[in-house]
Amino acid sequence: MLSAAFGVGDVARLKKSHPCGSSLWLITRVGMDIGLKCQGCGHYVLLPRNKFLKAAKAIEKPVEK
């Protein structure tokens, strides 16, 4: 289970990959539901927070310029 803090703009690596082959998702919304956009094909999904916390393997902070 994920214990790190996360926010909009972070990239989440999920345990299972999307059918397009990517396992990286951009976090676009944080609240009771977590909005995710696939980094491979651009598909957008809303997951309840508890399902997201179980499915997430790691949170990768974006590189700041």
Protein backbone atom coordinates (compact mmCIF):
# COMPACT_ATOMS: atom_id res chain seq x y z
CA MET A 1 0.00 0.00 0.00
CA LEU A 2 1.17 3.50 -0.86
CA SER A 3 2.20 5.78 1.99
CA ALA A 4 3.77 8.73 0.15
CA ALA A 5 1.98 12.02 -0.34
CA PHE A 6 0.87 12.81 -3.87
CA GLY A 7 -0.71 15.71 -5.70
CA VAL A 8 -1.79 17.01 -9.07
CA GLY A 9 1.03 16.81 -11.60
CA ASP A 10 2.77 13.81 -10.04
CA VAL A 11 3.20 10.57 -11.98
CA ALA A 12 1.95 7.32 -10.42
CA ARG A 13 3.29 3.89 -11.33
CA LEU A 14 0.51 1.32 -10.92
CA LYS A 15 0.95 -2.40 -10.21
CA LYS A 16 -0.93 -3.47 -13.35
CA SER A 17 -0.20 -1.97 -16.73
CA HIS A 18 -2.84 -0.46 -19.01
CA PRO A 19 -3.75 -2.49 -22.15
CA CYS A 20 -1.65 -0.03 -24.19
CA GLY A 21 1.41 -1.27 -22.25
CA SER A 22 2.10 1.77 -20.05
CA SER A 23 2.02 1.60 -16.26
CA LEU A 24 2.61 5.36 -15.75
CA TRP A 25 -0.34 7.65 -15.02
CA LEU A 26 -0.43 11.43 -14.58
CA ILE A 27 -2.49 12.54 -11.56
CA THR A 28 -4.91 15.23 -12.76
CA ARG A 29 -7.38 15.40 -9.86
CA VAL A 30 -7.12 14.71 -6.12
CA GLY A 31 -10.08 14.35 -3.77
CA MET A 32 -12.44 11.49 -2.96
CA ASP A 33 -11.75 10.32 -6.51
CA ILE A 34 -8.33 10.39 -8.15
CA GLY A 35 -8.22 11.47 -11.80
CA LEU A 36 -5.57 9.67 -13.85
CA LYS A 37 -4.39 10.12 -17.44
CA CYS A 38 -2.45 7.29 -19.09
CA GLN A 39 0.98 8.41 -20.27
CA GLY A 40 0.90 5.89 -23.12
CA CYS A 41 -2.42 6.51 -24.89
CA GLY A 42 -4.01 9.45 -23.05
CA HIS A 43 -7.00 7.50 -21.66
CA TYR A 44 -8.60 9.24 -18.64
CA VAL A 45 -10.11 7.41 -15.65
CA LEU A 46 -11.47 8.31 -12.22
CA LEU A 47 -10.66 5.88 -9.41
CA PRO A 48 -11.98 6.01 -5.86
CA ARG A 49 -9.16 6.95 -3.47
CA ASN A 50 -9.08 3.55 -1.72
CA LYS A 51 -8.73 1.65 -5.04
CA PHE A 52 -5.98 4.02 -6.17
CA LEU A 53 -4.03 3.54 -2.92
CA LYS A 54 -4.18 -0.26 -3.36
CA ALA A 55 -3.24 -0.13 -7.07
CA ALA A 56 -0.35 2.36 -6.82
CA LYS A 57 3.17 1.00 -6.60
CA ALA A 58 5.10 4.28 -6.45
CA ILE A 59 4.74 8.03 -6.91
CA GLU A 60 7.34 9.71 -9.07
CA LYS A 61 7.72 13.45 -8.63
CA PRO A 62 8.12 15.36 -11.91
CA VAL A 63 11.48 17.01 -12.54
CA GLU A 64 11.22 20.73 -11.83
CA LYS A 65 13.01 23.09 -14.21
